[in-house]
Amino acid sequence: MNLRDGYILVTGGAGYIGSHTIVALMQKGYDRIVSLDNYLNSRPRTYDLIEAITGRRPEIIEASVGDRKTVAHLMRRFEPVGIIHFAALKAVGESMEQPYRYLQNNLADMQVFLEEVYRTARPLFIFSSSCTVYGEVTNLPVYEQTPRQPAQSVYGLTKQLGEDLLDGLCRLGFTGPVVALRYFNPVGAYPDGRLGEWPLGTPNNLVPLICQTAAGLRPFLTIHGKDYPTRDGTCIRDYVHVMDIAEAHVQALEYADRYRPQTMEIFNLGTGHGVSVLEAIRAFEEVNNLKLPYKIGPRRVGDVTAVYSDSTKAERLLGWKPRFNLHDMMRSAWLWQQRLNQEAL
């Protein structure tokens, strides 16, 4: 069967990266998409925004991936040829405050999901992983073969264990082809600002906090630590545009369909350039002609000092290369925030 003729299941499809990936799939001619989401960290209104961009909506199922009955029914009804698994809690700091909630949502529910997925089928499986699996690395940039260090957060631990589970099942022949995408720091929004990150409550990531501060929703931005051994004392990350990340999932799906790897394939997704927190703030100020108030606060538990990628494997095998730069990321993020402010979405 041609990949475009079958259903693609996106778990967490109403979330930040999931929704942009649905847009990317639709723009690449994938019309049969099912989104499974329980709206734990997302909003149903996201599908309206997807439709405004693409003119189409996915099939929508409201449930957790840990809902065994619903997942079993979904697999029988749609028989998806490919699955892109985003559904997970994702905040480093929060994971240290609510460790067992993260273990339940990101691991226990995932185990139930995999059991029902692979009970009768062997679809292509793309796993949303993270650079947090590398832990506190000392040699940069990070390659796929860089040894993983102990996780610095419960979130990172769940991604390490999720990868290990899939890798083991794949090697033992219990799955179809599996690809794990270790992306670094997805930021930004759809380029014209019609879709973006829609945090519930207090954001846990830097760029939404920058945008809310610029919009006057916060009196100032807190930088968590300025005593790290980096060029300006703040943490260094590899920021990559969310649409670049979304398009990589489409390319990974097509790669898995072409080559059908017998063991789990791993790809880093990043720009290869480390950007400090202060540099990210300055880039936002420069491209949007704004000035941000900020103050220095204590370090945040679970944060690593610096991490940025080497993504040449993704370029070589997937044909993936980031199209957007840091200014594009900050410009699109601010366009999205302005839409949130104006339309009270």
Foldseek 3Di string as FASTA:
>chain_A
DPLLVAEEEEEVCQAFLNVLLVLLCVVVRRQAYEYEEQPPWGDPCSQVLSCVNRVDGYHYDHDALLPLVVLLVVCVPRVGQYYEYDFADAFQQVCQVVVVVRCCRLPVSVVSNLCSNLVPDAHEYEYEAAPQQQPQDDDDADDPPRDRDPGQGSNSVSRNVVLVVQQVCLLVPSHWAYEYEHEWAEFAADLQQSGHHDGDDDDRDQLVQLLCQQVVVDVAAEQAFQCFPDPRSFAKTFYAYSSLVSNLVVLVSVLCVVPGDSGYHYFYDGQRDIDGSVRLSVLLCVLVVTDGHYDYDHHRRRDHRYYGHDGVVCCVRSVGHGDDDSNSRSVRSNSNSVCCVPVVD
